[in-house]
Amino acid sequence: DISSWFDATMINLLYVCAKTIQQESSNPKLVDDISNFMLDFAYNSTTVDDQSTFIAAQKFFRLLNLNKVSNVHNVPSYSIDTVKSLAELMYWRMKDYKVNELSQETELSGALQRAVDMQIKFQLIKNEQKHYFEMERIQLDTMFETNNNTWNLNFKHRNE
């Protein structure tokens, strides 16, 4: 029984190896050799005796075609329903992103306004403090001048 020779995991690992080499463009001949070997190895679905293993081997046709053309971008193909579903999903994600972005922008704007208000209040407090210290200095100067004028300093009590 040769059905045990065909393993989907081994075929998929070889596909990943060949695909990596093909993307790096380092050895296109090796990619062709691996692809041709795998296609020859699993050429008949009745011999392989496992549909998923046979389908896994068919991916090597794509590598052979991609290897023939240089500078190819492998674009996946999707059904209309899949594209529609993905587009709808993207729409809702972008809409949620927009709502989140606008919410953050509003919060940042409010925070910036509060910071500006606080800066203005700090400036007012600083000006009030400066004015308070000026008034205090004027009052103290006035008190010292008044006290200096009314003091009668004599030292008679010491002589007695």
N, C-alpha and C. Protein backbone atom coordinates (compact mmCIF):
# COMPACT_ATOMS: atom_id res chain seq x y z
N ASP A 1 0.85 -1.19 0.00
CA ASP A 1 0.00 0.00 0.00
C ASP A 1 0.88 1.24 0.00
N ILE A 2 0.78 2.04 -1.04
CA ILE A 2 1.63 3.23 -1.16
C ILE A 2 0.93 4.51 -0.69
N SER A 3 -0.29 4.41 -0.20
CA SER A 3 -1.02 5.60 0.23
C SER A 3 -0.35 6.27 1.43
N SER A 4 0.43 5.51 2.20
CA SER A 4 1.12 6.10 3.35
C SER A 4 2.27 7.00 2.90
N TRP A 5 2.69 6.93 1.64
CA TRP A 5 3.77 7.79 1.15
C TRP A 5 3.31 9.24 1.00
N PHE A 6 2.02 9.42 0.82
CA PHE A 6 1.48 10.75 0.52
C PHE A 6 0.98 11.39 1.81
N ASP A 7 1.69 12.38 2.25
CA ASP A 7 1.35 13.06 3.51
C ASP A 7 1.10 14.55 3.21
N ALA A 8 -0.06 15.05 3.58
CA ALA A 8 -0.41 16.45 3.30
C ALA A 8 0.54 17.40 4.03
N THR A 9 0.95 17.06 5.23
CA THR A 9 1.87 17.93 5.99
C THR A 9 3.19 18.07 5.26
N MET A 10 3.74 16.95 4.79
CA MET A 10 5.02 16.99 4.07
C MET A 10 4.87 17.83 2.79
N ILE A 11 3.78 17.65 2.08
CA ILE A 11 3.56 18.40 0.84
C ILE A 11 3.44 19.89 1.15
N ASN A 12 2.71 20.24 2.18
CA ASN A 12 2.56 21.65 2.56
C ASN A 12 3.88 22.25 3.02
N LEU A 13 4.69 21.50 3.75
CA LEU A 13 6.01 22.00 4.17
C LEU A 13 6.91 22.24 2.96
N LEU A 14 6.87 21.32 2.00
CA LEU A 14 7.66 21.53 0.78
C LEU A 14 7.14 22.73 0.00
N TYR A 15 5.84 22.95 0.02
CA TYR A 15 5.27 24.12 -0.65
C TYR A 15 5.77 25.41 0.01
N VAL A 16 5.76 25.43 1.34
CA VAL A 16 6.25 26.62 2.07
C VAL A 16 7.72 26.85 1.74
N CYS A 17 8.49 25.79 1.70
CA CYS A 17 9.91 25.91 1.35
C CYS A 17 10.08 26.48 -0.06
N ALA A 18 9.38 25.91 -1.02
CA ALA A 18 9.48 26.37 -2.42
C ALA A 18 8.97 27.80 -2.55
N LYS A 19 7.89 28.13 -1.87
CA LYS A 19 7.33 29.49 -1.94
C LYS A 19 8.31 30.50 -1.35
N THR A 20 8.98 30.14 -0.27
CA THR A 20 9.97 31.04 0.34
C THR A 20 11.12 31.28 -0.62
N ILE A 21 11.60 30.23 -1.23
CA ILE A 21 12.71 30.36 -2.19
C ILE A 21 12.26 31.20 -3.38
N GLN A 22 11.02 30.97 -3.83
CA GLN A 22 10.50 31.72 -4.98
C GLN A 22 10.37 33.20 -4.65
N GLN A 23 9.93 33.55 -3.44
CA GLN A 23 9.78 34.95 -3.05
C GLN A 23 11.12 35.65 -2.94
N GLU A 24 12.12 34.92 -2.51
CA GLU A 24 13.46 35.52 -2.40
C GLU A 24 14.16 35.61 -3.74
N SER A 25 13.63 34.93 -4.74
CA SER A 25 14.22 34.88 -6.08
C SER A 25 15.67 34.42 -6.05
N SER A 26 15.97 33.55 -5.12
CA SER A 26 17.36 33.14 -4.96
C SER A 26 17.72 31.95 -5.85
N ASN A 27 16.75 31.03 -6.10
CA ASN A 27 17.07 29.85 -6.90
C ASN A 27 15.82 29.37 -7.63
N PRO A 28 15.46 30.01 -8.74
CA PRO A 28 14.24 29.62 -9.46
C PRO A 28 14.28 28.18 -9.99
N LYS A 29 15.46 27.68 -10.32
CA LYS A 29 15.58 26.30 -10.81
C LYS A 29 15.17 25.32 -9.72
N LEU A 30 15.57 25.57 -8.49
CA LEU A 30 15.19 24.70 -7.38
C LEU A 30 13.68 24.71 -7.17
N VAL A 31 13.07 25.88 -7.31
CA VAL A 31 11.60 25.97 -7.18
C VAL A 31 10.93 25.12 -8.26
N ASP A 32 11.44 25.21 -9.49
CA ASP A 32 10.89 24.39 -10.57
C ASP A 32 11.08 22.90 -10.28
N ASP A 33 12.26 22.51 -9.80
CA ASP A 33 12.53 21.11 -9.51
C ASP A 33 11.61 20.57 -8.42
N ILE A 34 11.45 21.35 -7.33
CA ILE A 34 10.57 20.91 -6.24
C ILE A 34 9.14 20.80 -6.74
N SER A 35 8.68 21.81 -7.48
CA SER A 35 7.30 21.82 -7.98
C SER A 35 7.04 20.66 -8.93
N ASN A 36 7.95 20.45 -9.88
CA ASN A 36 7.76 19.35 -10.83
C ASN A 36 7.79 17.99 -10.14
N PHE A 37 8.69 17.83 -9.17
CA PHE A 37 8.75 16.58 -8.44
C PHE A 37 7.44 16.31 -7.70
N MET A 38 6.93 17.32 -7.00
CA MET A 38 5.71 17.12 -6.23
C MET A 38 4.51 16.86 -7.14
N LEU A 39 4.46 17.55 -8.28
CA LEU A 39 3.36 17.30 -9.22
C LEU A 39 3.45 15.91 -9.84
N ASP A 40 4.68 15.45 -10.11
CA ASP A 40 4.85 14.10 -10.64
C ASP A 40 4.57 13.05 -9.57
N PHE A 41 4.95 13.38 -8.33
CA PHE A 41 4.77 12.45 -7.21
C PHE A 41 3.30 12.23 -6.91
N ALA A 42 2.52 13.31 -6.90
CA ALA A 42 1.10 13.21 -6.57
C ALA A 42 0.26 13.55 -7.80
N TYR A 43 0.53 12.86 -8.90
CA TYR A 43 -0.11 13.19 -10.17
C TYR A 43 -1.53 12.65 -10.31
N ASN A 44 -1.87 11.63 -9.55
CA ASN A 44 -3.15 10.96 -9.75
C ASN A 44 -3.90 10.89 -8.42
N SER A 45 -5.14 11.36 -8.41
CA SER A 45 -5.90 11.40 -7.16
C SER A 45 -6.24 10.00 -6.65
N THR A 46 -6.35 9.04 -7.55
CA THR A 46 -6.65 7.67 -7.10
C THR A 46 -5.43 7.03 -6.46
N THR A 47 -4.24 7.39 -6.92
CA THR A 47 -3.02 6.85 -6.32
C THR A 47 -2.79 7.46 -4.95
N VAL A 48 -3.03 8.77 -4.86
CA VAL A 48 -2.80 9.47 -3.59
C VAL A 48 -3.79 8.99 -2.54
N ASP A 49 -5.01 8.73 -2.93
CA ASP A 49 -6.05 8.16 -2.06
C ASP A 49 -6.49 9.08 -0.92
N ASP A 50 -6.14 10.36 -1.03
CA ASP A 50 -6.61 11.35 -0.04
C ASP A 50 -6.80 12.66 -0.77
N GLN A 51 -8.03 13.13 -0.82
CA GLN A 51 -8.36 14.32 -1.60
C GLN A 51 -7.60 15.55 -1.12
N SER A 52 -7.49 15.77 0.19
CA SER A 52 -6.81 16.96 0.71
C SER A 52 -5.32 16.94 0.38
N THR A 53 -4.71 15.76 0.38
CA THR A 53 -3.30 15.65 0.01
C THR A 53 -3.12 15.94 -1.47
N PHE A 54 -4.01 15.42 -2.30
CA PHE A 54 -3.93 15.67 -3.73
C PHE A 54 -4.10 17.16 -4.03
N ILE A 55 -5.05 17.81 -3.37
CA ILE A 55 -5.28 19.26 -3.57
C ILE A 55 -4.08 20.06 -3.10
N ALA A 56 -3.46 19.64 -2.00
CA ALA A 56 -2.26 20.33 -1.50
C ALA A 56 -1.15 20.31 -2.54
N ALA A 57 -1.03 19.20 -3.25
CA ALA A 57 0.02 19.09 -4.27
C ALA A 57 -0.27 19.98 -5.48
N GLN A 58 -1.53 20.27 -5.74
CA GLN A 58 -1.88 21.06 -6.91
C GLN A 58 -1.44 22.52 -6.77
N LYS A 59 -1.12 22.94 -5.56
CA LYS A 59 -0.65 24.33 -5.35
C LYS A 59 0.68 24.58 -6.07
N PHE A 60 1.40 23.51 -6.37
CA PHE A 60 2.70 23.67 -7.02
C PHE A 60 2.55 24.16 -8.46
N PHE A 61 1.38 23.96 -9.08
CA PHE A 61 1.14 24.53 -10.41
C PHE A 61 1.28 26.05 -10.37
N ARG A 62 0.75 26.64 -9.32
CA ARG A 62 0.81 28.10 -9.17
C ARG A 62 2.26 28.57 -9.05
N LEU A 63 3.07 27.82 -8.30
CA LEU A 63 4.49 28.19 -8.18
C LEU A 63 5.21 28.10 -9.52
N LEU A 64 4.89 27.06 -10.29
CA LEU A 64 5.51 26.96 -11.61
C LEU A 64 5.15 28.15 -12.49
N ASN A 65 3.89 28.54 -12.46
CA ASN A 65 3.45 29.69 -13.27
C ASN A 65 4.07 30.99 -12.77
N LEU A 66 4.14 31.16 -11.45
CA LEU A 66 4.74 32.37 -10.90
C LEU A 66 6.23 32.44 -11.21
N ASN A 67 6.86 31.29 -11.26
CA ASN A 67 8.31 31.25 -11.50
C ASN A 67 8.65 31.58 -12.94
N LYS A 68 7.70 31.41 -13.85
CA LYS A 68 7.95 31.73 -15.26
C LYS A 68 7.98 33.23 -15.50
N VAL A 69 7.24 33.98 -14.72
CA VAL A 69 7.13 35.42 -14.90
C VAL A 69 7.90 36.10 -13.77
N SER A 70 8.76 37.06 -14.13
CA SER A 70 9.53 37.74 -13.08
C SER A 70 8.75 38.91 -12.50
N ASN A 71 9.06 39.25 -11.29
CA ASN A 71 8.50 40.40 -10.59
C ASN A 71 6.96 40.31 -10.51
N VAL A 72 6.48 39.19 -10.04
CA VAL A 72 5.05 38.95 -9.95
C VAL A 72 4.60 39.17 -8.51
N HIS A 73 3.45 39.77 -8.38
CA HIS A 73 2.82 39.91 -7.06
C HIS A 73 1.68 38.91 -7.01
N ASN A 74 1.78 37.99 -6.10
CA ASN A 74 0.78 36.94 -5.99
C ASN A 74 -0.44 37.50 -5.28
N VAL A 75 -1.47 37.80 -6.05
CA VAL A 75 -2.69 38.37 -5.50
C VAL A 75 -3.71 37.26 -5.33
N PRO A 76 -4.24 37.11 -4.12
CA PRO A 76 -5.23 36.04 -3.92
C PRO A 76 -6.53 36.36 -4.64
N SER A 77 -7.24 35.32 -5.02
CA SER A 77 -8.53 35.51 -5.67
C SER A 77 -9.63 35.15 -4.69
N TYR A 78 -10.66 35.99 -4.65
CA TYR A 78 -11.78 35.81 -3.73
C TYR A 78 -13.09 35.86 -4.51
N SER A 79 -14.08 35.22 -3.95
CA SER A 79 -15.41 35.28 -4.57
C SER A 79 -16.03 36.65 -4.25
N ILE A 80 -17.07 36.99 -4.98
CA ILE A 80 -17.77 38.26 -4.77
C ILE A 80 -18.32 38.34 -3.35
N ASP A 81 -18.86 37.23 -2.87
CA ASP A 81 -19.42 37.22 -1.51
C ASP A 81 -18.33 37.48 -0.46
N THR A 82 -17.16 36.88 -0.68
CA THR A 82 -16.05 37.08 0.26
C THR A 82 -15.59 38.52 0.23
N VAL A 83 -15.44 39.08 -0.98
CA VAL A 83 -15.03 40.49 -1.10
C VAL A 83 -16.06 41.40 -0.45
N LYS A 84 -17.34 41.10 -0.67
CA LYS A 84 -18.40 41.90 -0.08
C LYS A 84 -18.34 41.82 1.45
N SER A 85 -18.15 40.63 1.96
CA SER A 85 -18.05 40.44 3.41
C SER A 85 -16.85 41.18 3.99
N LEU A 86 -15.71 41.07 3.31
CA LEU A 86 -14.51 41.76 3.77
C LEU A 86 -14.66 43.28 3.68
N ALA A 87 -15.31 43.74 2.62
CA ALA A 87 -15.54 45.18 2.47
C ALA A 87 -16.45 45.71 3.56
N GLU A 88 -17.48 44.94 3.88
CA GLU A 88 -18.39 45.34 4.94
C GLU A 88 -17.66 45.37 6.29
N LEU A 89 -16.87 44.36 6.53
CA LEU A 89 -16.08 44.31 7.76
C LEU A 89 -15.13 45.51 7.84
N MET A 90 -14.47 45.83 6.73
CA MET A 90 -13.56 46.97 6.70
C MET A 90 -14.32 48.27 6.93
N TYR A 91 -15.51 48.38 6.34
CA TYR A 91 -16.33 49.58 6.52
C TYR A 91 -16.63 49.80 8.00
N TRP A 92 -17.09 48.74 8.68
CA TRP A 92 -17.45 48.90 10.09
C TRP A 92 -16.23 49.16 10.95
N ARG A 93 -15.11 48.55 10.62
CA ARG A 93 -13.88 48.81 11.40
C ARG A 93 -13.42 50.26 11.20
N MET A 94 -13.50 50.74 9.97
CA MET A 94 -13.09 52.12 9.70
C MET A 94 -14.06 53.10 10.36
N LYS A 95 -15.34 52.76 10.37
CA LYS A 95 -16.33 53.61 11.02
C LYS A 95 -16.06 53.67 12.52
N ASP A 96 -15.80 52.51 13.13
CA ASP A 96 -15.44 52.47 14.56
C ASP A 96 -14.17 53.26 14.82
N TYR A 97 -13.21 53.13 13.92
CA TYR A 97 -11.96 53.87 14.05
C TYR A 97 -12.22 55.38 14.01
N LYS A 98 -13.09 55.80 13.09
CA LYS A 98 -13.41 57.22 12.97
C LYS A 98 -14.08 57.73 14.24
N VAL A 99 -15.05 56.97 14.76
CA VAL A 99 -15.73 57.36 16.00
C VAL A 99 -14.73 57.47 17.14
N ASN A 100 -13.86 56.49 17.24
CA ASN A 100 -12.83 56.51 18.28
C ASN A 100 -11.89 57.69 18.12
N GLU A 101 -11.49 57.94 16.89
CA GLU A 101 -10.58 59.06 16.59
C GLU A 101 -11.23 60.40 16.94
N LEU A 102 -12.49 60.58 16.56
CA LEU A 102 -13.20 61.83 16.88
C LEU A 102 -13.37 61.99 18.38
N SER A 103 -13.65 60.91 19.07
CA SER A 103 -13.78 60.95 20.53
C SER A 103 -12.47 61.37 21.18
N GLN A 104 -11.40 60.78 20.73
CA GLN A 104 -10.08 61.15 21.27
C GLN A 104 -9.73 62.59 20.94
N GLU A 105 -10.07 63.02 19.75
CA GLU A 105 -9.80 64.40 19.36
C GLU A 105 -10.58 65.38 20.23
N THR A 106 -11.83 65.06 20.53
CA THR A 106 -12.65 65.89 21.40
C THR A 106 -12.06 65.94 22.81
N GLU A 107 -11.66 64.79 23.31
CA GLU A 107 -11.06 64.74 24.64
C GLU A 107 -9.75 65.52 24.68
N LEU A 108 -8.94 65.38 23.64
CA LEU A 108 -7.67 66.13 23.60
C LEU A 108 -7.92 67.63 23.51
N SER A 109 -8.93 68.01 22.75
CA SER A 109 -9.26 69.43 22.63
C SER A 109 -9.69 69.99 23.98
N GLY A 110 -10.53 69.23 24.69
CA GLY A 110 -10.97 69.64 26.03
C GLY A 110 -9.80 69.73 27.00
N ALA A 111 -8.90 68.76 26.93
CA ALA A 111 -7.73 68.77 27.81
C ALA A 111 -6.83 69.96 27.49
N LEU A 112 -6.67 70.26 26.21
CA LEU A 112 -5.86 71.42 25.82
C LEU A 112 -6.50 72.71 26.32
N GLN A 113 -7.82 72.82 26.21
CA GLN A 113 -8.52 74.02 26.70
C GLN A 113 -8.35 74.15 28.21
N ARG A 114 -8.45 73.04 28.94
CA ARG A 114 -8.26 73.10 30.39
C ARG A 114 -6.83 73.51 30.73
N ALA A 115 -5.87 73.03 29.95
CA ALA A 115 -4.48 73.41 30.19
C ALA A 115 -4.28 74.91 29.95
N VAL A 116 -4.91 75.44 28.90
CA VAL A 116 -4.82 76.88 28.62
C VAL A 116 -5.47 77.67 29.76
N ASP A 117 -6.64 77.21 30.22
CA ASP A 117 -7.32 77.88 31.34
C ASP A 117 -6.45 77.88 32.59
N MET A 118 -5.83 76.75 32.86
CA MET A 118 -4.96 76.67 34.04
C MET A 118 -3.76 77.60 33.90
N GLN A 119 -3.22 77.69 32.69
CA GLN A 119 -2.08 78.60 32.47
C GLN A 119 -2.50 80.04 32.72
N ILE A 120 -3.68 80.41 32.27
CA ILE A 120 -4.19 81.77 32.51
C ILE A 120 -4.38 82.00 34.01
N LYS A 121 -4.95 81.00 34.71
CA LYS A 121 -5.15 81.14 36.16
C LYS A 121 -3.82 81.24 36.90
N PHE A 122 -2.83 80.46 36.47
CA PHE A 122 -1.51 80.56 37.10
C PHE A 122 -0.91 81.95 36.88
N GLN A 123 -1.11 82.49 35.69
CA GLN A 123 -0.60 83.83 35.41
C GLN A 123 -1.32 84.87 36.28
N LEU A 124 -2.63 84.72 36.45
CA LEU A 124 -3.38 85.62 37.33
C LEU A 124 -2.89 85.53 38.77
N ILE A 125 -2.68 84.31 39.24
CA ILE A 125 -2.18 84.12 40.61
C ILE A 125 -0.80 84.73 40.76
N LYS A 126 0.03 84.57 39.76
CA LYS A 126 1.38 85.13 39.80
C LYS A 126 1.32 86.67 39.86
N ASN A 127 0.43 87.25 39.03
CA ASN A 127 0.27 88.71 39.05
C ASN A 127 -0.29 89.20 40.38
N GLU A 128 -1.27 88.46 40.93
CA GLU A 128 -1.84 88.83 42.23
C GLU A 128 -0.79 88.74 43.33
N GLN A 129 0.02 87.70 43.27
CA GLN A 129 1.08 87.54 44.26
C GLN A 129 2.09 88.68 44.17
N LYS A 130 2.44 89.03 42.94
CA LYS A 130 3.38 90.15 42.73
C LYS A 130 2.77 91.45 43.28
N HIS A 131 1.49 91.68 42.98
CA HIS A 131 0.81 92.87 43.49
C HIS A 131 0.73 92.86 45.02
N TYR A 132 0.42 91.69 45.60
CA TYR A 132 0.36 91.55 47.06
C TYR A 132 1.69 91.91 47.69
N PHE A 133 2.78 91.38 47.14
CA PHE A 133 4.10 91.67 47.71
C PHE A 133 4.46 93.14 47.56
N GLU A 134 4.07 93.77 46.47
CA GLU A 134 4.33 95.20 46.30
C GLU A 134 3.56 96.02 47.34
N MET A 135 2.26 95.67 47.53
CA MET A 135 1.46 96.38 48.52
C MET A 135 2.00 96.16 49.93
N GLU A 136 2.41 94.95 50.21
CA GLU A 136 2.98 94.64 51.53
C GLU A 136 4.25 95.45 51.76
N ARG A 137 5.10 95.55 50.74
CA ARG A 137 6.33 96.32 50.86
C ARG A 137 6.01 97.80 51.11
N ILE A 138 5.01 98.31 50.39
CA ILE A 138 4.62 99.72 50.58
C ILE A 138 4.11 99.94 51.99
N GLN A 139 3.28 99.04 52.49
CA GLN A 139 2.76 99.17 53.86
C GLN A 139 3.87 99.07 54.89
N LEU A 140 4.77 98.14 54.68
CA LEU A 140 5.89 98.01 55.63
C LEU A 140 6.77 99.25 55.59
N ASP A 141 7.05 99.76 54.40
CA ASP A 141 7.85 100.98 54.29
C ASP A 141 7.16 102.13 55.01
N THR A 142 5.84 102.23 54.84
CA THR A 142 5.06 103.29 55.50
C THR A 142 5.13 103.12 57.02
N MET A 143 4.99 101.91 57.50
CA MET A 143 5.06 101.65 58.95
C MET A 143 6.43 102.00 59.50
N PHE A 144 7.48 101.62 58.79
CA PHE A 144 8.83 101.91 59.27
C PHE A 144 9.09 103.42 59.29
N GLU A 145 8.62 104.10 58.27
CA GLU A 145 8.81 105.55 58.24
C GLU A 145 8.04 106.22 59.36
N THR A 146 6.81 105.77 59.59
CA THR A 146 6.00 106.33 60.67
C THR A 146 6.65 106.06 62.02
N ASN A 147 7.08 104.87 62.23
CA ASN A 147 7.73 104.51 63.48
C ASN A 147 9.04 105.25 63.67
N ASN A 148 9.78 105.47 62.63
CA ASN A 148 11.05 106.19 62.74
C ASN A 148 10.82 107.65 63.11
N ASN A 149 9.75 108.22 62.65
CA ASN A 149 9.47 109.63 62.93
C ASN A 149 8.95 109.83 64.36
N THR A 150 8.26 108.87 64.91
CA THR A 150 7.67 109.05 66.23
C THR A 150 8.55 108.52 67.35
N TRP A 151 9.55 107.88 67.05
CA TRP A 151 10.41 107.35 68.10
C TRP A 151 11.25 108.49 68.67
N ASN A 152 11.20 108.56 69.91
CA ASN A 152 12.08 109.49 70.61
C ASN A 152 13.07 108.64 71.38
N LEU A 153 14.18 108.57 70.88
CA LEU A 153 15.17 107.72 71.53
C LEU A 153 16.02 108.60 72.45
N ASN A 154 15.95 108.27 73.66
CA ASN A 154 16.86 108.89 74.60
C ASN A 154 17.30 107.82 75.58
N PHE A 155 18.33 108.07 76.21
CA PHE A 155 18.89 107.06 77.10
C PHE A 155 18.97 107.55 78.53
N LYS A 156 18.03 108.40 78.91
CA LYS A 156 18.00 108.92 80.27
C LYS A 156 17.82 107.84 81.28
N HIS A 157 17.05 106.90 80.96
CA HIS A 157 16.78 105.83 81.93
C HIS A 157 18.04 105.06 82.27
N ARG A 158 19.01 105.10 81.44
CA ARG A 158 20.25 104.38 81.73
C ARG A 158 21.12 105.15 82.73
N ASN A 159 20.95 106.40 82.66
CA ASN A 159 21.78 107.22 83.55
C ASN A 159 21.22 107.24 84.96
N GLU A 160 20.07 106.91 85.15
CA GLU A 160 19.47 107.01 86.46
C GLU A 160 19.77 105.87 87.34
